[in-house]
Amino acid sequence: MTTPTGDEEPTVSVVLPTYDRGDVVGDAIESVLDQTYRNLELLVVDGGSTDETLAVVESAADPRLSYLRRDEPEGVSAARNIGIRAAEGELVAFIDSDDRWRREKLRKQVDAPRTESDCGVVYCGMEKSHGEPMTRDGRSGDVLEALRHLSIPTYTSLLLVTREALDGCGGFDERLPCFEDWELCLRLARRYSFAYVDEPLVVKGDGGGGVSADPENVAAAYRRIRREYDLPDETRAQFLADAGTTYCEDGRLREGRPYLRRSLELDFRPNAAAALAFSLPGSHVLFDALIERLYAVEHASRRLRW
């Protein structure tokens, strides 16, 4: 990864995909343009929004911001790849429309110590505002096996990647409706080392309206990944638990239980066991209340750790 020398600092291209998120995208834009690291460009890739998104973007009035509009949504991975192709920076970062960056996020990532010359990715810690809290810690160096076991975070909003590494690995897989961030990191880790900034520099939003909230998307992505990658049992268990929990959160308790049961057969995960138990009474309202209580306890525990 390029290291600044003297007064020279690399340009960071920030890619922000969005579609009908005018209610939240303004805060994401502000969190990028308010970075203490100033040498950046922000590429907002709009999949054809019909709400107030354009007005929100125009209100930012910053020469570092570019607006790339498509006639219709082509998927978040396609939008990110459009942004990558348009990017002019040596480094590329990503932010989702409902996420926020701490002001020092890019500065700390650009300045992060990198002990290996083949470093292609710098990522950081995060805090989740809703849902199941982030519980995985990062590490530096060769992270391929850690990624295969889902033991480090891979959300796109955490990543700062060299343009060379993105070009070399081919960008995001547009066939995947979700888990595309993990799959990209897996390919990157085969060729490059990672560096980790151990601070929660990203606040993850609630994902409202996101494709990953659709249980059919989660299940379809799992099936494709399962066909293409030889995954450890615990990794398959986590993907299955994600699918099962998402079905339950969508009110489809009966459809979610087989995923949760299969997950627990492969590897015992307390949250999967809890989700399965919460689903058994057959009440969506009760499930939501119990799972939110569980997440609240985990959020409180996570905050104490930071």
C-alpha atoms as a PDB file:
ATOM      1  CA  MET A   1       0.000   0.000   0.000  1.00  0.00           C
ATOM      2  CA  THR A   2       1.241   3.461  -0.872  1.00  0.00           C
ATOM      3  CA  THR A   3       2.799   5.208   2.102  1.00  0.00           C
ATOM      4  CA  PRO A   4       2.803   9.033   2.154  1.00  0.00           C
ATOM      5  CA  THR A   5       6.244  10.607   1.920  1.00  0.00           C
ATOM      6  CA  GLY A   6       6.949  14.219   2.775  1.00  0.00           C
ATOM      7  CA  ASP A   7       4.048  16.421   1.736  1.00  0.00           C
ATOM      8  CA  GLU A   8       2.718  13.868  -0.750  1.00  0.00           C
ATOM      9  CA  GLU A   9      -0.416  12.064   0.290  1.00  0.00           C
ATOM     10  CA  PRO A  10      -2.330   9.578  -1.834  1.00  0.00           C
ATOM     11  CA  THR A  11      -5.757  10.456  -3.154  1.00  0.00           C
ATOM     12  CA  VAL A  12      -8.521   8.336  -1.655  1.00  0.00           C
ATOM     13  CA  SER A  13     -11.533   7.662  -3.877  1.00  0.00           C
ATOM     14  CA  VAL A  14     -14.639   6.947  -1.798  1.00  0.00           C
ATOM     15  CA  VAL A  15     -17.453   4.996  -3.472  1.00  0.00           C
ATOM     16  CA  LEU A  16     -20.977   5.391  -2.082  1.00  0.00           C
ATOM     17  CA  PRO A  17     -23.721   3.313  -3.779  1.00  0.00           C
ATOM     18  CA  THR A  18     -27.296   4.385  -3.096  1.00  0.00           C
ATOM     19  CA  TYR A  19     -30.879   3.923  -4.233  1.00  0.00           C
ATOM     20  CA  ASP A  20     -33.870   5.736  -2.723  1.00  0.00           C
ATOM     21  CA  ARG A  21     -32.025   6.423   0.535  1.00  0.00           C
ATOM     22  CA  GLY A  22     -32.455  10.175   0.526  1.00  0.00           C
ATOM     23  CA  ASP A  23     -33.482  10.066   4.177  1.00  0.00           C
ATOM     24  CA  VAL A  24     -30.071   8.817   5.313  1.00  0.00           C
ATOM     25  CA  VAL A  25     -27.524   9.343   2.531  1.00  0.00           C
ATOM     26  CA  GLY A  26     -26.896  12.977   3.493  1.00  0.00           C
ATOM     27  CA  ASP A  27     -25.339  11.967   6.797  1.00  0.00           C
ATOM     28  CA  ALA A  28     -23.105   9.427   5.043  1.00  0.00           C
ATOM     29  CA  ILE A  29     -21.959  12.091   2.567  1.00  0.00           C
ATOM     30  CA  GLU A  30     -21.283  14.548   5.379  1.00  0.00           C
ATOM     31  CA  SER A  31     -19.229  11.986   7.309  1.00  0.00           C
ATOM     32  CA  VAL A  32     -16.968  11.531   4.268  1.00  0.00           C
ATOM     33  CA  LEU A  33     -16.564  15.195   3.354  1.00  0.00           C
ATOM     34  CA  ASP A  34     -15.910  16.033   7.020  1.00  0.00           C
ATOM     35  CA  GLN A  35     -12.898  13.706   7.218  1.00  0.00           C
ATOM     36  CA  THR A  36      -9.722  15.194   8.653  1.00  0.00           C
ATOM     37  CA  TYR A  37      -7.955  13.551   5.715  1.00  0.00           C
ATOM     38  CA  ARG A  38      -8.760  16.033   2.961  1.00  0.00           C
ATOM     39  CA  ASN A  39      -7.209  14.539  -0.184  1.00  0.00           C
ATOM     40  CA  LEU A  40     -10.251  12.565  -1.304  1.00  0.00           C
ATOM     41  CA  GLU A  41     -12.952  12.350  -3.926  1.00  0.00           C
ATOM     42  CA  LEU A  42     -16.462  11.057  -3.240  1.00  0.00           C
ATOM     43  CA  LEU A  43     -18.296   9.180  -5.984  1.00  0.00           C
ATOM     44  CA  VAL A  44     -22.020   8.782  -5.281  1.00  0.00           C
ATOM     45  CA  VAL A  45     -23.379   6.066  -7.580  1.00  0.00           C
ATOM     46  CA  ASP A  46     -27.173   6.348  -7.719  1.00  0.00           C
ATOM     47  CA  GLY A  47     -29.165   3.446  -9.136  1.00  0.00           C
ATOM     48  CA  GLY A  48     -31.979   5.689 -10.391  1.00  0.00           C
ATOM     49  CA  SER A  49     -33.490   7.042  -7.174  1.00  0.00           C
ATOM     50  CA  THR A  50     -36.998   8.479  -7.363  1.00  0.00           C
ATOM     51  CA  ASP A  51     -36.883  10.195  -3.965  1.00  0.00           C
ATOM     52  CA  GLU A  52     -34.981  13.280  -2.806  1.00  0.00           C
ATOM     53  CA  THR A  53     -31.524  11.716  -3.203  1.00  0.00           C
ATOM     54  CA  LEU A  54     -30.403  14.075  -6.004  1.00  0.00           C
ATOM     55  CA  ALA A  55     -31.420  17.155  -3.996  1.00  0.00           C
ATOM     56  CA  VAL A  56     -29.543  15.834  -0.969  1.00  0.00           C
ATOM     57  CA  VAL A  57     -26.408  15.256  -3.048  1.00  0.00           C
ATOM     58  CA  GLU A  58     -26.607  18.698  -4.660  1.00  0.00           C
ATOM     59  CA  SER A  59     -26.985  20.347  -1.253  1.00  0.00           C
ATOM     60  CA  ALA A  60     -23.514  19.116  -0.284  1.00  0.00           C
ATOM     61  CA  ALA A  61     -21.962  21.589  -2.757  1.00  0.00           C
ATOM     62  CA  ASP A  62     -18.409  20.248  -2.478  1.00  0.00           C
ATOM     63  CA  PRO A  63     -16.100  20.109  -5.530  1.00  0.00           C
ATOM     64  CA  ARG A  64     -14.744  16.757  -4.333  1.00  0.00           C
ATOM     65  CA  LEU A  65     -18.158  15.128  -4.842  1.00  0.00           C
ATOM     66  CA  SER A  66     -19.235  13.523  -8.128  1.00  0.00           C
ATOM     67  CA  TYR A  67     -22.711  12.157  -8.843  1.00  0.00           C
ATOM     68  CA  LEU A  68     -23.009   9.137 -11.152  1.00  0.00           C
ATOM     69  CA  ARG A  69     -26.610   8.276 -11.965  1.00  0.00           C
ATOM     70  CA  ARG A  70     -27.913   5.099 -13.584  1.00  0.00           C
ATOM     71  CA  ASP A  71     -31.341   4.799 -15.162  1.00  0.00           C
ATOM     72  CA  GLU A  72     -32.307   1.904 -12.890  1.00  0.00           C
ATOM     73  CA  PRO A  73     -30.794  -0.087 -10.024  1.00  0.00           C
ATOM     74  CA  GLU A  74     -28.338  -2.793 -11.090  1.00  0.00           C
ATOM     75  CA  GLY A  75     -27.393  -3.980  -7.610  1.00  0.00           C
ATOM     76  CA  VAL A  76     -25.001  -2.695  -4.981  1.00  0.00           C
ATOM     77  CA  SER A  77     -22.019  -4.648  -6.314  1.00  0.00           C
ATOM     78  CA  ALA A  78     -22.532  -3.277  -9.824  1.00  0.00           C
ATOM     79  CA  ALA A  79     -22.772   0.238  -8.376  1.00  0.00           C
ATOM     80  CA  ARG A  80     -19.531  -0.202  -6.449  1.00  0.00           C
ATOM     81  CA  ASN A  81     -17.779  -1.524  -9.543  1.00  0.00           C
ATOM     82  CA  ILE A  82     -18.960   1.519 -11.515  1.00  0.00           C
ATOM     83  CA  GLY A  83     -17.445   3.703  -8.810  1.00  0.00           C
ATOM     84  CA  ILE A  84     -14.181   1.753  -8.865  1.00  0.00           C
ATOM     85  CA  ARG A  85     -13.871   2.209 -12.633  1.00  0.00           C
ATOM     86  CA  ALA A  86     -14.482   5.957 -12.305  1.00  0.00           C
ATOM     87  CA  ALA A  87     -12.112   6.391  -9.345  1.00  0.00           C
ATOM     88  CA  GLU A  88      -8.951   8.401  -9.856  1.00  0.00           C
ATOM     89  CA  GLY A  89      -7.292   7.737  -6.495  1.00  0.00           C
ATOM     90  CA  GLU A  90      -4.473   5.359  -5.648  1.00  0.00           C
ATOM     91  CA  LEU A  91      -6.595   4.125  -2.737  1.00  0.00           C
ATOM     92  CA  VAL A  92     -10.292   3.243  -2.756  1.00  0.00           C
ATOM     93  CA  ALA A  93     -12.677   3.220   0.202  1.00  0.00           C
ATOM     94  CA  PHE A  94     -16.370   2.383   0.425  1.00  0.00           C
ATOM     95  CA  ILE A  95     -19.282   3.577   2.509  1.00  0.00           C
ATOM     96  CA  ASP A  96     -22.900   2.432   2.475  1.00  0.00           C
ATOM     97  CA  SER A  97     -25.638   5.041   2.497  1.00  0.00           C
ATOM     98  CA  ASP A  98     -26.792   4.285   6.052  1.00  0.00           C
ATOM     99  CA  ASP A  99     -23.293   4.106   7.578  1.00  0.00           C
ATOM    100  CA  ARG A 100     -21.202   6.851   9.165  1.00  0.00           C
ATOM    101  CA  TRP A 101     -17.450   7.358   9.480  1.00  0.00           C
ATOM    102  CA  ARG A 102     -15.657   8.848  12.467  1.00  0.00           C
ATOM    103  CA  ARG A 103     -13.768  11.985  11.404  1.00  0.00           C
ATOM    104  CA  GLU A 104     -10.321  10.352  11.790  1.00  0.00           C
ATOM    105  CA  LYS A 105     -11.226   7.189   9.866  1.00  0.00           C
ATOM    106  CA  LEU A 106      -9.278   7.787   6.647  1.00  0.00           C
ATOM    107  CA  ARG A 107      -6.391   9.562   8.362  1.00  0.00           C
ATOM    108  CA  LYS A 108      -5.786   6.637  10.698  1.00  0.00           C
ATOM    109  CA  GLN A 109      -6.070   4.124   7.894  1.00  0.00           C
ATOM    110  CA  VAL A 110      -3.713   5.942   5.534  1.00  0.00           C
ATOM    111  CA  ASP A 111      -1.205   6.365   8.375  1.00  0.00           C
ATOM    112  CA  ALA A 112      -1.612   2.835   9.735  1.00  0.00           C
ATOM    113  CA  PRO A 113       1.685   0.953  10.178  1.00  0.00           C
ATOM    114  CA  ARG A 114       2.079  -1.796   7.584  1.00  0.00           C
ATOM    115  CA  THR A 115       4.764  -4.319   8.431  1.00  0.00           C
ATOM    116  CA  GLU A 116       4.480  -6.247   5.162  1.00  0.00           C
ATOM    117  CA  SER A 117       5.323  -4.843   1.731  1.00  0.00           C
ATOM    118  CA  ASP A 118       2.438  -6.653   0.031  1.00  0.00           C
ATOM    119  CA  CYS A 119      -0.265  -4.918   2.094  1.00  0.00           C
ATOM    120  CA  GLY A 120      -3.311  -4.284  -0.086  1.00  0.00           C
ATOM    121  CA  VAL A 121      -6.025  -3.584   2.484  1.00  0.00           C
ATOM    122  CA  VAL A 122      -6.336  -1.541   5.669  1.00  0.00           C
ATOM    123  CA  TYR A 123      -9.516  -2.120   7.638  1.00  0.00           C
ATOM    124  CA  CYS A 124     -10.801  -0.999  11.021  1.00  0.00           C
ATOM    125  CA  GLY A 125     -13.172  -1.749  13.861  1.00  0.00           C
ATOM    126  CA  MET A 126     -16.803  -0.710  13.940  1.00  0.00           C
ATOM    127  CA  GLU A 127     -19.836  -0.252  16.097  1.00  0.00           C
ATOM    128  CA  LYS A 128     -23.321  -1.363  15.104  1.00  0.00           C
ATOM    129  CA  SER A 129     -26.288   0.879  15.800  1.00  0.00           C
ATOM    130  CA  HIS A 130     -28.924  -1.844  15.315  1.00  0.00           C
ATOM    131  CA  GLY A 131     -29.356  -5.594  15.278  1.00  0.00           C
ATOM    132  CA  GLU A 132     -26.776  -8.209  16.191  1.00  0.00           C
ATOM    133  CA  PRO A 133     -23.629  -6.380  17.356  1.00  0.00           C
ATOM    134  CA  MET A 134     -20.242  -6.796  15.788  1.00  0.00           C
ATOM    135  CA  THR A 135     -18.236  -9.281  17.863  1.00  0.00           C
ATOM    136  CA  ARG A 136     -15.284 -10.153  15.614  1.00  0.00           C
ATOM    137  CA  ASP A 137     -11.897  -8.544  16.192  1.00  0.00           C
ATOM    138  CA  GLY A 138      -9.463  -7.859  13.391  1.00  0.00           C
ATOM    139  CA  ARG A 139      -5.865  -8.857  12.852  1.00  0.00           C
ATOM    140  CA  SER A 140      -3.010  -7.907  10.538  1.00  0.00           C
ATOM    141  CA  GLY A 141      -0.863  -9.871   8.122  1.00  0.00           C
ATOM    142  CA  ASP A 142      -2.005 -13.006   6.321  1.00  0.00           C
ATOM    143  CA  VAL A 143      -5.725 -13.178   7.096  1.00  0.00           C
ATOM    144  CA  LEU A 144      -6.863 -15.793   4.569  1.00  0.00           C
ATOM    145  CA  GLU A 145      -7.645 -18.507   7.105  1.00  0.00           C
ATOM    146  CA  ALA A 146      -9.280 -15.980   9.427  1.00  0.00           C
ATOM    147  CA  LEU A 147     -11.558 -14.964   6.565  1.00  0.00           C
ATOM    148  CA  ARG A 148     -12.390 -18.561   5.714  1.00  0.00           C
ATOM    149  CA  HIS A 149     -13.536 -18.969   9.312  1.00  0.00           C
ATOM    150  CA  LEU A 150     -15.432 -15.635   9.380  1.00  0.00           C
ATOM    151  CA  SER A 151     -13.371 -14.526  12.352  1.00  0.00           C
ATOM    152  CA  ILE A 152     -12.593 -10.963  11.193  1.00  0.00           C
ATOM    153  CA  PRO A 153     -14.981  -8.197  10.011  1.00  0.00           C
ATOM    154  CA  THR A 154     -15.347  -7.552   6.267  1.00  0.00           C
ATOM    155  CA  TYR A 155     -18.034  -4.870   5.892  1.00  0.00           C
ATOM    156  CA  THR A 156     -17.217  -2.691   2.888  1.00  0.00           C
ATOM    157  CA  SER A 157     -17.433   0.531   4.916  1.00  0.00           C
ATOM    158  CA  LEU A 158     -14.381  -0.627   6.902  1.00  0.00           C
ATOM    159  CA  LEU A 159     -12.108  -1.129   3.906  1.00  0.00           C
ATOM    160  CA  LEU A 160      -9.360   0.996   2.380  1.00  0.00           C
ATOM    161  CA  VAL A 161      -7.935  -0.881  -0.615  1.00  0.00           C
ATOM    162  CA  THR A 162      -5.205  -0.127  -3.133  1.00  0.00           C
ATOM    163  CA  ARG A 163      -6.433   0.423  -6.664  1.00  0.00           C
ATOM    164  CA  GLU A 164      -3.858  -2.118  -7.809  1.00  0.00           C
ATOM    165  CA  ALA A 165      -5.348  -4.798  -5.548  1.00  0.00           C
ATOM    166  CA  LEU A 166      -8.919  -4.093  -6.716  1.00  0.00           C
ATOM    167  CA  ASP A 167      -7.909  -4.181 -10.359  1.00  0.00           C
ATOM    168  CA  GLY A 168      -5.986  -7.395  -9.807  1.00  0.00           C
ATOM    169  CA  CYS A 169      -8.826  -9.282  -8.119  1.00  0.00           C
ATOM    170  CA  GLY A 170     -11.622  -8.082 -10.387  1.00  0.00           C
ATOM    171  CA  GLY A 171     -13.805  -6.028  -8.029  1.00  0.00           C
ATOM    172  CA  PHE A 172     -17.109  -7.174  -6.531  1.00  0.00           C
ATOM    173  CA  ASP A 173     -18.924 -10.312  -7.716  1.00  0.00           C
ATOM    174  CA  GLU A 174     -22.156  -8.943  -9.159  1.00  0.00           C
ATOM    175  CA  ARG A 175     -23.815 -12.371  -9.024  1.00  0.00           C
ATOM    176  CA  LEU A 176     -23.967 -12.289  -5.226  1.00  0.00           C
ATOM    177  CA  PRO A 177     -26.974 -10.488  -3.679  1.00  0.00           C
ATOM    178  CA  CYS A 178     -25.153 -10.339  -0.311  1.00  0.00           C
ATOM    179  CA  PHE A 179     -21.941 -11.555   1.402  1.00  0.00           C
ATOM    180  CA  GLU A 180     -20.164  -9.871  -1.534  1.00  0.00           C
ATOM    181  CA  ASP A 181     -17.917  -7.972   0.892  1.00  0.00           C
ATOM    182  CA  TRP A 182     -16.639 -11.189   2.481  1.00  0.00           C
ATOM    183  CA  GLU A 183     -16.124 -12.821  -0.921  1.00  0.00           C
ATOM    184  CA  LEU A 184     -14.118  -9.840  -2.201  1.00  0.00           C
ATOM    185  CA  CYS A 185     -11.927  -9.870   0.912  1.00  0.00           C
ATOM    186  CA  LEU A 186     -11.348 -13.591   0.467  1.00  0.00           C
ATOM    187  CA  ARG A 187      -9.981 -13.011  -3.036  1.00  0.00           C
ATOM    188  CA  LEU A 188      -7.894 -10.046  -1.880  1.00  0.00           C
ATOM    189  CA  ALA A 189      -6.399 -12.081   0.970  1.00  0.00           C
ATOM    190  CA  ARG A 190      -5.129 -14.720  -1.443  1.00  0.00           C
ATOM    191  CA  ARG A 191      -2.691 -12.172  -2.906  1.00  0.00           C
ATOM    192  CA  TYR A 192      -2.254  -9.413  -0.322  1.00  0.00           C
ATOM    193  CA  SER A 193      -1.758  -8.929   3.393  1.00  0.00           C
ATOM    194  CA  PHE A 194      -4.139  -6.842   5.499  1.00  0.00           C
ATOM    195  CA  ALA A 195      -3.472  -4.213   8.182  1.00  0.00           C
ATOM    196  CA  TYR A 196      -5.936  -3.590  11.018  1.00  0.00           C
ATOM    197  CA  VAL A 197      -6.704  -0.350  12.888  1.00  0.00           C
ATOM    198  CA  ASP A 198      -8.118  -1.475  16.228  1.00  0.00           C
ATOM    199  CA  GLU A 199     -10.635   1.342  16.715  1.00  0.00           C
ATOM    200  CA  PRO A 200     -14.393   1.585  15.980  1.00  0.00           C
ATOM    201  CA  LEU A 201     -14.024   4.144  13.174  1.00  0.00           C
ATOM    202  CA  VAL A 202     -17.303   3.190  11.450  1.00  0.00           C
ATOM    203  CA  VAL A 203     -20.850   3.297  12.803  1.00  0.00           C
ATOM    204  CA  LYS A 204     -22.857   0.669  10.940  1.00  0.00           C
ATOM    205  CA  GLY A 205     -26.464   1.644  10.192  1.00  0.00           C
ATOM    206  CA  ASP A 206     -29.583  -0.478  10.411  1.00  0.00           C
ATOM    207  CA  GLY A 207     -29.466  -1.627   6.795  1.00  0.00           C
ATOM    208  CA  GLY A 208     -33.097  -0.698   6.228  1.00  0.00           C
ATOM    209  CA  GLY A 209     -34.094  -1.560   2.686  1.00  0.00           C
ATOM    210  CA  GLY A 210     -30.831  -3.367   2.035  1.00  0.00           C
ATOM    211  CA  VAL A 211     -30.702  -6.569   0.007  1.00  0.00           C
ATOM    212  CA  SER A 212     -29.124  -8.472   2.893  1.00  0.00           C
ATOM    213  CA  ALA A 213     -32.366  -7.991   4.868  1.00  0.00           C
ATOM    214  CA  ASP A 214     -34.180 -10.201   2.326  1.00  0.00           C
ATOM    215  CA  PRO A 215     -33.987 -13.832   3.501  1.00  0.00           C
ATOM    216  CA  GLU A 216     -34.229 -15.109  -0.070  1.00  0.00           C
ATOM    217  CA  ASN A 217     -31.099 -13.115  -0.954  1.00  0.00           C
ATOM    218  CA  VAL A 218     -29.224 -14.461   2.070  1.00  0.00           C
ATOM    219  CA  ALA A 219     -30.164 -18.047   1.223  1.00  0.00           C
ATOM    220  CA  ALA A 220     -29.321 -17.637  -2.482  1.00  0.00           C
ATOM    221  CA  ALA A 221     -25.924 -16.102  -1.697  1.00  0.00           C
ATOM    222  CA  TYR A 222     -25.145 -18.947   0.687  1.00  0.00           C
ATOM    223  CA  ARG A 223     -25.980 -21.551  -1.959  1.00  0.00           C
ATOM    224  CA  ARG A 224     -23.697 -19.909  -4.536  1.00  0.00           C
ATOM    225  CA  ILE A 225     -20.824 -19.515  -2.086  1.00  0.00           C
ATOM    226  CA  ARG A 226     -21.300 -23.108  -0.918  1.00  0.00           C
ATOM    227  CA  ARG A 227     -20.928 -24.341  -4.514  1.00  0.00           C
ATOM    228  CA  GLU A 228     -17.811 -22.299  -5.254  1.00  0.00           C
ATOM    229  CA  TYR A 229     -15.819 -22.467  -2.019  1.00  0.00           C
ATOM    230  CA  ASP A 230     -14.689 -25.276   0.249  1.00  0.00           C
ATOM    231  CA  LEU A 231     -15.792 -23.825   3.573  1.00  0.00           C
ATOM    232  CA  PRO A 232     -15.129 -25.032   7.135  1.00  0.00           C
ATOM    233  CA  ASP A 233     -18.161 -26.334   9.014  1.00  0.00           C
ATOM    234  CA  GLU A 234     -18.207 -23.349  11.355  1.00  0.00           C
ATOM    235  CA  THR A 235     -18.339 -20.960   8.387  1.00  0.00           C
ATOM    236  CA  ARG A 236     -21.211 -22.840   6.793  1.00  0.00           C
ATOM    237  CA  ALA A 237     -22.905 -22.816  10.194  1.00  0.00           C
ATOM    238  CA  GLN A 238     -22.648 -19.028  10.424  1.00  0.00           C
ATOM    239  CA  PHE A 239     -24.051 -18.467   6.932  1.00  0.00           C
ATOM    240  CA  LEU A 240     -26.923 -20.850   7.711  1.00  0.00           C
ATOM    241  CA  ALA A 241     -27.562 -19.080  11.031  1.00  0.00           C
ATOM    242  CA  ASP A 242     -27.659 -15.731   9.211  1.00  0.00           C
ATOM    243  CA  ALA A 243     -30.202 -17.113   6.726  1.00  0.00           C
ATOM    244  CA  GLY A 244     -32.347 -18.687   9.432  1.00  0.00           C
ATOM    245  CA  THR A 245     -32.344 -15.608  11.642  1.00  0.00           C
ATOM    246  CA  THR A 246     -33.169 -13.357   8.689  1.00  0.00           C
ATOM    247  CA  TYR A 247     -36.164 -15.531   7.801  1.00  0.00           C
ATOM    248  CA  CYS A 248     -37.348 -15.324  11.409  1.00  0.00           C
ATOM    249  CA  GLU A 249     -36.875 -11.556  11.572  1.00  0.00           C
ATOM    250  CA  ASP A 250     -38.976 -11.355   8.402  1.00  0.00           C
ATOM    251  CA  GLY A 251     -41.795 -13.173  10.209  1.00  0.00           C
ATOM    252  CA  ARG A 252     -41.188 -16.459   8.369  1.00  0.00           C
ATOM    253  CA  LEU A 253     -40.434 -18.544  11.444  1.00  0.00           C
ATOM    254  CA  ARG A 254     -41.296 -21.912   9.937  1.00  0.00           C
ATOM    255  CA  GLU A 255     -38.926 -21.311   7.001  1.00  0.00           C
ATOM    256  CA  GLY A 256     -36.139 -20.106   9.277  1.00  0.00           C
ATOM    257  CA  ARG A 257     -36.043 -23.089  11.633  1.00  0.00           C
ATOM    258  CA  PRO A 258     -34.502 -25.636   9.186  1.00  0.00           C
ATOM    259  CA  TYR A 259     -31.585 -23.264   8.540  1.00  0.00           C
ATOM    260  CA  LEU A 260     -31.037 -22.758  12.258  1.00  0.00           C
ATOM    261  CA  ARG A 261     -31.235 -26.497  12.985  1.00  0.00           C
ATOM    262  CA  ARG A 262     -28.744 -27.303  10.215  1.00  0.00           C
ATOM    263  CA  SER A 263     -26.444 -24.577  11.521  1.00  0.00           C
ATOM    264  CA  LEU A 264     -26.454 -26.099  14.992  1.00  0.00           C
ATOM    265  CA  GLU A 265     -25.761 -29.575  13.582  1.00  0.00           C
ATOM    266  CA  LEU A 266     -22.576 -28.246  11.965  1.00  0.00           C
ATOM    267  CA  ASP A 267     -21.339 -26.060  14.823  1.00  0.00           C
ATOM    268  CA  PHE A 268     -23.001 -24.876  18.027  1.00  0.00           C
ATOM    269  CA  ARG A 269     -23.532 -21.108  17.994  1.00  0.00           C
ATOM    270  CA  PRO A 270     -25.300 -19.558  21.013  1.00  0.00           C
ATOM    271  CA  ASN A 271     -27.144 -16.937  18.958  1.00  0.00           C
ATOM    272  CA  ALA A 272     -28.424 -19.563  16.514  1.00  0.00           C
ATOM    273  CA  ALA A 273     -29.623 -21.672  19.423  1.00  0.00           C
ATOM    274  CA  ALA A 274     -31.323 -18.650  20.944  1.00  0.00           C
ATOM    275  CA  ALA A 275     -32.989 -17.719  17.641  1.00  0.00           C
ATOM    276  CA  LEU A 276     -34.272 -21.259  17.222  1.00  0.00           C
ATOM    277  CA  ALA A 277     -35.657 -21.296  20.780  1.00  0.00           C
ATOM    278  CA  PHE A 278     -37.265 -17.870  20.310  1.00  0.00           C
ATOM    279  CA  SER A 279     -38.964 -19.087  17.108  1.00  0.00           C
ATOM    280  CA  LEU A 280     -40.598 -22.174  18.626  1.00  0.00           C
ATOM    281  CA  PRO A 281     -43.654 -20.442  20.176  1.00  0.00           C
ATOM    282  CA  GLY A 282     -44.548 -19.362  16.644  1.00  0.00           C
ATOM    283  CA  SER A 283     -45.038 -15.684  17.474  1.00  0.00           C
ATOM    284  CA  HIS A 284     -43.246 -13.135  15.300  1.00  0.00           C
ATOM    285  CA  VAL A 285     -43.891 -10.417  17.891  1.00  0.00           C
ATOM    286  CA  LEU A 286     -42.374 -12.522  20.675  1.00  0.00           C
ATOM    287  CA  PHE A 287     -39.402 -13.475  18.492  1.00  0.00           C
ATOM    288  CA  ASP A 288     -38.651  -9.808  17.723  1.00  0.00           C
ATOM    289  CA  ALA A 289     -38.917  -8.812  21.374  1.00  0.00           C
ATOM    290  CA  LEU A 290     -36.613 -11.589  22.574  1.00  0.00           C
ATOM    291  CA  ILE A 291     -33.997 -11.202  19.839  1.00  0.00           C
ATOM    292  CA  GLU A 292     -33.850  -7.440  20.354  1.00  0.00           C
ATOM    293  CA  ARG A 293     -33.349  -7.986  24.092  1.00  0.00           C
ATOM    294  CA  LEU A 294     -30.484 -10.375  23.328  1.00  0.00           C
ATOM    295  CA  TYR A 295     -28.889  -7.866  20.953  1.00  0.00           C
ATOM    296  CA  ALA A 296     -29.259  -5.059  23.507  1.00  0.00           C
ATOM    297  CA  VAL A 297     -27.302  -7.065  26.081  1.00  0.00           C
ATOM    298  CA  GLU A 298     -24.580  -7.796  23.525  1.00  0.00           C
ATOM    299  CA  HIS A 299     -24.407  -4.138  22.471  1.00  0.00           C
ATOM    300  CA  ALA A 300     -23.894  -3.104  26.103  1.00  0.00           C
ATOM    301  CA  SER A 301     -21.170  -5.700  26.545  1.00  0.00           C
ATOM    302  CA  ARG A 302     -19.435  -4.560  23.346  1.00  0.00           C
ATOM    303  CA  ARG A 303     -19.445  -0.913  24.423  1.00  0.00           C
ATOM    304  CA  LEU A 304     -17.744  -1.896  27.690  1.00  0.00           C
ATOM    305  CA  ARG A 305     -14.992  -3.633  25.714  1.00  0.00           C
ATOM    306  CA  TRP A 306     -14.255  -0.495  23.678  1.00  0.00           C
END
